[in-house]
C-alpha atoms as a PDB file:
ATOM      1  CA  UNK A   1      -3.160 -25.908  -2.065  1.00  0.00           C
ATOM      2  CA  UNK A   2      -4.531 -22.819  -0.085  1.00  0.00           C
ATOM      3  CA  UNK A   3      -5.354 -19.357  -1.471  1.00  0.00           C
ATOM      4  CA  UNK A   4      -2.358 -18.187  -3.366  1.00  0.00           C
ATOM      5  CA  UNK A   5      -2.029 -14.605  -1.321  1.00  0.00           C
ATOM      6  CA  UNK A   6      -3.810 -12.698   1.535  1.00  0.00           C
ATOM      7  CA  UNK A   7      -3.619  -9.180   0.169  1.00  0.00           C
ATOM      8  CA  UNK A   8      -4.452  -7.135  -2.813  1.00  0.00           C
ATOM      9  CA  UNK A   9      -1.458  -6.397  -4.063  1.00  0.00           C
ATOM     10  CA  UNK A  10      -0.945  -7.991  -7.694  1.00  0.00           C
ATOM     11  CA  UNK A  11      -0.667 -11.770  -7.247  1.00  0.00           C
ATOM     12  CA  UNK A  12       1.324 -13.358  -9.896  1.00  0.00           C
ATOM     13  CA  UNK A  13       3.745 -10.192  -9.566  1.00  0.00           C
ATOM     14  CA  UNK A  14       7.569 -10.950 -10.576  1.00  0.00           C
ATOM     15  CA  UNK A  15       9.031 -10.417  -7.149  1.00  0.00           C
ATOM     16  CA  UNK A  16      12.195 -10.659  -7.080  1.00  0.00           C
ATOM     17  CA  UNK A  17      13.006 -13.300  -9.748  1.00  0.00           C
ATOM     18  CA  UNK A  18      15.784 -12.193 -12.421  1.00  0.00           C
ATOM     19  CA  UNK A  19      13.937  -9.751 -14.987  1.00  0.00           C
ATOM     20  CA  UNK A  20      14.339  -6.643 -16.885  1.00  0.00           C
ATOM     21  CA  UNK A  21      12.722  -3.608 -15.238  1.00  0.00           C
ATOM     22  CA  UNK A  22      12.326   0.011 -16.925  1.00  0.00           C
ATOM     23  CA  UNK A  23      11.037   3.116 -14.899  1.00  0.00           C
ATOM     24  CA  UNK A  24       9.718   5.901 -16.708  1.00  0.00           C
ATOM     25  CA  UNK A  25      10.604   9.522 -15.669  1.00  0.00           C
ATOM     26  CA  UNK A  26       8.377  10.633 -13.157  1.00  0.00           C
ATOM     27  CA  UNK A  27       5.475  13.323 -14.845  1.00  0.00           C
ATOM     28  CA  UNK A  28       3.552  15.645 -12.733  1.00  0.00           C
ATOM     29  CA  UNK A  29       2.179  12.661  -9.816  1.00  0.00           C
ATOM     30  CA  UNK A  30       2.150   9.747 -12.502  1.00  0.00           C
ATOM     31  CA  UNK A  31       5.073   7.108 -12.116  1.00  0.00           C
ATOM     32  CA  UNK A  32       5.450   4.070 -14.457  1.00  0.00           C
ATOM     33  CA  UNK A  33       6.957   1.053 -14.508  1.00  0.00           C
ATOM     34  CA  UNK A  34       7.333  -2.335 -16.912  1.00  0.00           C
ATOM     35  CA  UNK A  35       8.900  -5.564 -16.150  1.00  0.00           C
ATOM     36  CA  UNK A  36       9.787  -8.454 -18.452  1.00  0.00           C
ATOM     37  CA  UNK A  37      10.717 -12.112 -17.724  1.00  0.00           C
ATOM     38  CA  UNK A  38      11.847 -14.573 -20.086  1.00  0.00           C
ATOM     39  CA  UNK A  39      11.257 -18.015 -19.077  1.00  0.00           C
ATOM     40  CA  UNK A  40      13.660 -19.385 -21.532  1.00  0.00           C
ATOM     41  CA  UNK A  41      13.640 -21.470 -24.446  1.00  0.00           C
ATOM     42  CA  UNK A  42      11.981 -24.782 -26.086  1.00  0.00           C
ATOM     43  CA  UNK A  43       8.218 -26.239 -25.678  1.00  0.00           C
ATOM     44  CA  UNK A  44       8.248 -26.349 -22.092  1.00  0.00           C
ATOM     45  CA  UNK A  45       9.369 -22.827 -21.134  1.00  0.00           C
ATOM     46  CA  UNK A  46       6.686 -20.524 -22.695  1.00  0.00           C
ATOM     47  CA  UNK A  47       5.671 -18.825 -19.252  1.00  0.00           C
ATOM     48  CA  UNK A  48       7.722 -15.430 -20.165  1.00  0.00           C
ATOM     49  CA  UNK A  49       6.212 -12.701 -17.670  1.00  0.00           C
ATOM     50  CA  UNK A  50       4.809  -8.902 -18.473  1.00  0.00           C
ATOM     51  CA  UNK A  51       4.233  -7.030 -15.517  1.00  0.00           C
ATOM     52  CA  UNK A  52       3.276  -3.145 -15.422  1.00  0.00           C
ATOM     53  CA  UNK A  53       2.280  -0.902 -12.730  1.00  0.00           C
ATOM     54  CA  UNK A  54       1.190   2.847 -12.527  1.00  0.00           C
ATOM     55  CA  UNK A  55       1.049   5.135  -9.216  1.00  0.00           C
ATOM     56  CA  UNK A  56      -0.521   8.642  -9.566  1.00  0.00           C
ATOM     57  CA  UNK A  57      -0.175  10.620  -6.681  1.00  0.00           C
ATOM     58  CA  UNK A  58      -2.556  13.805  -5.879  1.00  0.00           C
ATOM     59  CA  UNK A  59      -3.237  16.163  -3.333  1.00  0.00           C
ATOM     60  CA  UNK A  60      -6.557  18.269  -2.776  1.00  0.00           C
ATOM     61  CA  UNK A  61      -7.052  20.337   0.476  1.00  0.00           C
ATOM     62  CA  UNK A  62      -6.078  18.282   3.680  1.00  0.00           C
ATOM     63  CA  UNK A  63      -6.238  15.147   1.926  1.00  0.00           C
ATOM     64  CA  UNK A  64      -3.083  13.420   0.314  1.00  0.00           C
ATOM     65  CA  UNK A  65      -3.770  10.187  -1.565  1.00  0.00           C
ATOM     66  CA  UNK A  66      -2.082   7.862  -4.617  1.00  0.00           C
ATOM     67  CA  UNK A  67      -3.654   5.798  -6.785  1.00  0.00           C
ATOM     68  CA  UNK A  68      -2.430   2.336  -7.737  1.00  0.00           C
ATOM     69  CA  UNK A  69      -2.329   0.256 -10.702  1.00  0.00           C
ATOM     70  CA  UNK A  70      -0.755  -3.223 -11.888  1.00  0.00           C
ATOM     71  CA  UNK A  71      -1.480  -5.717 -14.551  1.00  0.00           C
ATOM     72  CA  UNK A  72       0.632  -9.062 -14.586  1.00  0.00           C
ATOM     73  CA  UNK A  73       0.628 -11.776 -17.837  1.00  0.00           C
ATOM     74  CA  UNK A  74       1.686 -14.856 -17.706  1.00  0.00           C
ATOM     75  CA  UNK A  75       2.156 -17.011 -21.222  1.00  0.00           C
ATOM     76  CA  UNK A  76       1.053 -20.696 -20.480  1.00  0.00           C
ATOM     77  CA  UNK A  77       3.925 -22.920 -19.499  1.00  0.00           C
ATOM     78  CA  UNK A  78       4.083 -24.974 -22.480  1.00  0.00           C
ATOM     79  CA  UNK A  79       3.239 -24.200 -26.252  1.00  0.00           C
ATOM     80  CA  UNK A  80      -0.472 -23.608 -26.811  1.00  0.00           C
ATOM     81  CA  UNK A  81      -1.155 -22.960 -23.369  1.00  0.00           C
ATOM     82  CA  UNK A  82      -3.260 -19.782 -22.354  1.00  0.00           C
ATOM     83  CA  UNK A  83      -1.441 -17.160 -20.552  1.00  0.00           C
ATOM     84  CA  UNK A  84      -3.000 -16.107 -16.748  1.00  0.00           C
ATOM     85  CA  UNK A  85      -4.051 -12.501 -15.917  1.00  0.00           C
ATOM     86  CA  UNK A  86      -3.445 -10.491 -12.699  1.00  0.00           C
ATOM     87  CA  UNK A  87      -4.333  -7.242 -12.130  1.00  0.00           C
ATOM     88  CA  UNK A  88      -4.693  -4.650  -9.076  1.00  0.00           C
ATOM     89  CA  UNK A  89      -6.366  -1.179  -8.317  1.00  0.00           C
ATOM     90  CA  UNK A  90      -5.588   0.373  -4.770  1.00  0.00           C
ATOM     91  CA  UNK A  91      -6.752   3.923  -3.374  1.00  0.00           C
ATOM     92  CA  UNK A  92      -4.514   5.134  -0.568  1.00  0.00           C
ATOM     93  CA  UNK A  93      -5.788   8.450   1.262  1.00  0.00           C
ATOM     94  CA  UNK A  94      -4.312  10.789   3.998  1.00  0.00           C
ATOM     95  CA  UNK A  95      -6.053  13.369   5.755  1.00  0.00           C
ATOM     96  CA  UNK A  96      -3.943  14.607   8.995  1.00  0.00           C
ATOM     97  CA  UNK A  97      -3.999  11.888  11.258  1.00  0.00           C
ATOM     98  CA  UNK A  98      -6.347   9.726   9.436  1.00  0.00           C
ATOM     99  CA  UNK A  99      -5.290   7.185   6.814  1.00  0.00           C
ATOM    100  CA  UNK A 100      -7.544   4.892   4.725  1.00  0.00           C
ATOM    101  CA  UNK A 101      -6.754   2.114   2.239  1.00  0.00           C
ATOM    102  CA  UNK A 102      -8.990   0.402   0.179  1.00  0.00           C
ATOM    103  CA  UNK A 103      -7.693  -2.214  -2.790  1.00  0.00           C
ATOM    104  CA  UNK A 104      -8.880  -4.804  -5.167  1.00  0.00           C
ATOM    105  CA  UNK A 105      -6.930  -7.328  -7.128  1.00  0.00           C
ATOM    106  CA  UNK A 106      -8.286 -10.415  -9.510  1.00  0.00           C
ATOM    107  CA  UNK A 107      -5.942 -13.058 -10.206  1.00  0.00           C
ATOM    108  CA  UNK A 108      -6.171 -16.404 -12.693  1.00  0.00           C
ATOM    109  CA  UNK A 109      -5.011 -19.440 -10.690  1.00  0.00           C
ATOM    110  CA  UNK A 110      -5.971 -21.720 -13.369  1.00  0.00           C
ATOM    111  CA  UNK A 111      -7.330 -20.902 -17.028  1.00  0.00           C
ATOM    112  CA  UNK A 112     -10.978 -22.015 -14.772  1.00  0.00           C
ATOM    113  CA  UNK A 113     -10.298 -20.743 -11.510  1.00  0.00           C
ATOM    114  CA  UNK A 114      -9.823 -16.738 -10.783  1.00  0.00           C
ATOM    115  CA  UNK A 115      -8.906 -15.749  -6.996  1.00  0.00           C
ATOM    116  CA  UNK A 116     -10.440 -12.318  -5.689  1.00  0.00           C
ATOM    117  CA  UNK A 117      -8.736 -10.110  -2.997  1.00  0.00           C
ATOM    118  CA  UNK A 118     -10.225  -7.383  -1.264  1.00  0.00           C
ATOM    119  CA  UNK A 119      -8.479  -5.236   1.376  1.00  0.00           C
ATOM    120  CA  UNK A 120      -9.690  -2.972   3.588  1.00  0.00           C
ATOM    121  CA  UNK A 121      -7.646  -0.584   6.041  1.00  0.00           C
ATOM    122  CA  UNK A 122      -7.994   2.066   8.519  1.00  0.00           C
ATOM    123  CA  UNK A 123      -5.327   3.774  10.871  1.00  0.00           C
ATOM    124  CA  UNK A 124      -5.344   6.873  13.248  1.00  0.00           C
ATOM    125  CA  UNK A 125      -2.344   8.299  14.829  1.00  0.00           C
ATOM    126  CA  UNK A 126      -3.353   9.547  18.486  1.00  0.00           C
ATOM    127  CA  UNK A 127       0.354  10.990  19.040  1.00  0.00           C
ATOM    128  CA  UNK A 128       2.119  10.479  22.043  1.00  0.00           C
ATOM    129  CA  UNK A 129       4.061   7.854  20.169  1.00  0.00           C
ATOM    130  CA  UNK A 130       0.646   5.782  19.493  1.00  0.00           C
ATOM    131  CA  UNK A 131      -1.016   4.555  15.959  1.00  0.00           C
ATOM    132  CA  UNK A 132      -4.388   2.519  15.789  1.00  0.00           C
ATOM    133  CA  UNK A 133      -4.693   0.483  12.873  1.00  0.00           C
ATOM    134  CA  UNK A 134      -7.734  -2.073  11.396  1.00  0.00           C
ATOM    135  CA  UNK A 135      -7.310  -4.255   8.390  1.00  0.00           C
ATOM    136  CA  UNK A 136     -10.123  -6.759   6.811  1.00  0.00           C
ATOM    137  CA  UNK A 137      -9.312  -9.086   4.068  1.00  0.00           C
ATOM    138  CA  UNK A 138     -11.447 -11.416   1.655  1.00  0.00           C
ATOM    139  CA  UNK A 139     -10.290 -13.446  -0.467  1.00  0.00           C
ATOM    140  CA  UNK A 140     -12.859 -15.835  -2.860  1.00  0.00           C
ATOM    141  CA  UNK A 141     -12.508 -17.840  -5.682  1.00  0.00           C
ATOM    142  CA  UNK A 142     -14.954 -17.763  -8.330  1.00  0.00           C
ATOM    143  CA  UNK A 143     -15.858 -21.340  -8.537  1.00  0.00           C
ATOM    144  CA  UNK A 144     -15.695 -23.660  -5.636  1.00  0.00           C
ATOM    145  CA  UNK A 145     -16.228 -21.553  -3.063  1.00  0.00           C
ATOM    146  CA  UNK A 146     -12.728 -21.380  -1.251  1.00  0.00           C
ATOM    147  CA  UNK A 147     -12.292 -18.425   0.449  1.00  0.00           C
ATOM    148  CA  UNK A 148     -10.820 -16.708   3.652  1.00  0.00           C
ATOM    149  CA  UNK A 149     -12.101 -13.647   6.078  1.00  0.00           C
ATOM    150  CA  UNK A 150      -9.325 -11.912   8.039  1.00  0.00           C
ATOM    151  CA  UNK A 151      -9.561  -9.200  10.594  1.00  0.00           C
ATOM    152  CA  UNK A 152      -6.366  -7.671  12.001  1.00  0.00           C
ATOM    153  CA  UNK A 153      -6.752  -4.604  14.733  1.00  0.00           C
ATOM    154  CA  UNK A 154      -3.002  -3.648  16.181  1.00  0.00           C
ATOM    155  CA  UNK A 155      -1.649  -0.882  18.252  1.00  0.00           C
ATOM    156  CA  UNK A 156       1.653   0.536  17.416  1.00  0.00           C
ATOM    157  CA  UNK A 157       3.700   2.558  20.193  1.00  0.00           C
ATOM    158  CA  UNK A 158       6.994   4.207  19.407  1.00  0.00           C
ATOM    159  CA  UNK A 159       9.323   3.589  22.401  1.00  0.00           C
ATOM    160  CA  UNK A 160      12.353   5.624  21.179  1.00  0.00           C
ATOM    161  CA  UNK A 161      13.802   6.764  17.963  1.00  0.00           C
ATOM    162  CA  UNK A 162      13.385   3.917  15.445  1.00  0.00           C
ATOM    163  CA  UNK A 163      12.271   1.576  17.810  1.00  0.00           C
ATOM    164  CA  UNK A 164       8.426   0.579  17.677  1.00  0.00           C
ATOM    165  CA  UNK A 165       6.137  -1.997  19.869  1.00  0.00           C
ATOM    166  CA  UNK A 166       3.591  -3.568  18.099  1.00  0.00           C
ATOM    167  CA  UNK A 167       0.135  -5.332  20.006  1.00  0.00           C
ATOM    168  CA  UNK A 168      -2.018  -6.984  17.333  1.00  0.00           C
ATOM    169  CA  UNK A 169      -4.846  -9.379  17.203  1.00  0.00           C
ATOM    170  CA  UNK A 170      -5.757 -11.470  14.054  1.00  0.00           C
ATOM    171  CA  UNK A 171      -8.808 -13.405  13.791  1.00  0.00           C
ATOM    172  CA  UNK A 172      -9.367 -15.516  11.060  1.00  0.00           C
ATOM    173  CA  UNK A 173     -11.976 -17.723   9.095  1.00  0.00           C
ATOM    174  CA  UNK A 174     -10.878 -20.380   5.940  1.00  0.00           C
ATOM    175  CA  UNK A 175     -13.523 -22.162   3.984  1.00  0.00           C
ATOM    176  CA  UNK A 176     -11.923 -24.886   2.096  1.00  0.00           C
ATOM    177  CA  UNK A 177     -14.728 -25.192  -0.558  1.00  0.00           C
ATOM    178  CA  UNK A 178     -15.059 -27.995  -3.142  1.00  0.00           C
ATOM    179  CA  UNK A 179     -12.387 -26.576  -5.556  1.00  0.00           C
ATOM    180  CA  UNK A 180     -10.338 -28.065  -7.560  1.00  0.00           C
ATOM    181  CA  UNK A 181      -7.445 -26.328  -6.450  1.00  0.00           C
ATOM    182  CA  UNK A 182      -7.835 -26.666  -2.903  1.00  0.00           C
ATOM    183  CA  UNK A 183      -7.450 -30.207  -0.957  1.00  0.00           C
ATOM    184  CA  UNK A 184      -9.776 -31.316   1.800  1.00  0.00           C
ATOM    185  CA  UNK A 185      -7.422 -33.601   3.735  1.00  0.00           C
ATOM    186  CA  UNK A 186      -4.616 -31.433   3.867  1.00  0.00           C
ATOM    187  CA  UNK A 187      -6.229 -28.339   3.860  1.00  0.00           C
ATOM    188  CA  UNK A 188      -9.645 -28.288   6.044  1.00  0.00           C
ATOM    189  CA  UNK A 189     -12.093 -25.309   7.103  1.00  0.00           C
ATOM    190  CA  UNK A 190     -10.332 -23.487   9.997  1.00  0.00           C
ATOM    191  CA  UNK A 191     -11.146 -20.332  12.187  1.00  0.00           C
ATOM    192  CA  UNK A 192      -9.612 -18.809  14.941  1.00  0.00           C
ATOM    193  CA  UNK A 193      -7.600 -15.886  16.442  1.00  0.00           C
ATOM    194  CA  UNK A 194      -4.169 -15.319  17.753  1.00  0.00           C
ATOM    195  CA  UNK A 195      -2.745 -12.451  19.824  1.00  0.00           C
ATOM    196  CA  UNK A 196       1.270 -11.415  19.515  1.00  0.00           C
ATOM    197  CA  UNK A 197       3.461  -8.620  20.541  1.00  0.00           C
ATOM    198  CA  UNK A 198       6.345  -7.793  18.529  1.00  0.00           C
ATOM    199  CA  UNK A 199       9.132  -4.853  18.840  1.00  0.00           C
ATOM    200  CA  UNK A 200      11.329  -4.167  15.700  1.00  0.00           C
ATOM    201  CA  UNK A 201      13.997  -1.646  15.664  1.00  0.00           C
ATOM    202  CA  UNK A 202      15.438   0.252  12.715  1.00  0.00           C
ATOM    203  CA  UNK A 203      19.229   1.293  12.163  1.00  0.00           C
END
């Protein structure tokens, strides 16, 4: 299969699956939460999953920021199988009309293959309803050479309250490599670009 994710959030998170989640009371700028998913009973139902997340918000002069950390552990699918882990760390900074984000994540796809994702993003609010943004994403396996580089630039225009228009250009370069988790026949090397216009309404 292709690389499991295209952004540096927690790759092996619980998402919307049935789970038990507890959010701790916020302490100053620190927020904590933990989720647990029980995969069931039996020798073939051992993929229990525990996810932990934390966020710290801070402010220094004109700069506001948040630091995000998350970790996930998924037990082996069968009794005796090794568990899989993933973690992510991100820094989000805002100062006046500028915003910058950098995030990094690592995730075990198998016991031998780990995927690393790095995101960089900048945004500038020009005023008059116009916001410019650019994001670069790099994805790479530790073995096999499967990788993907994606660069996106966009312009957002606020047409009216709750109504936004976007002009987005994305350029991508995918290399299949020789990894056992990719298949040259179904996922050949590919590169290209795409431009699209979207309108988003919020009610």
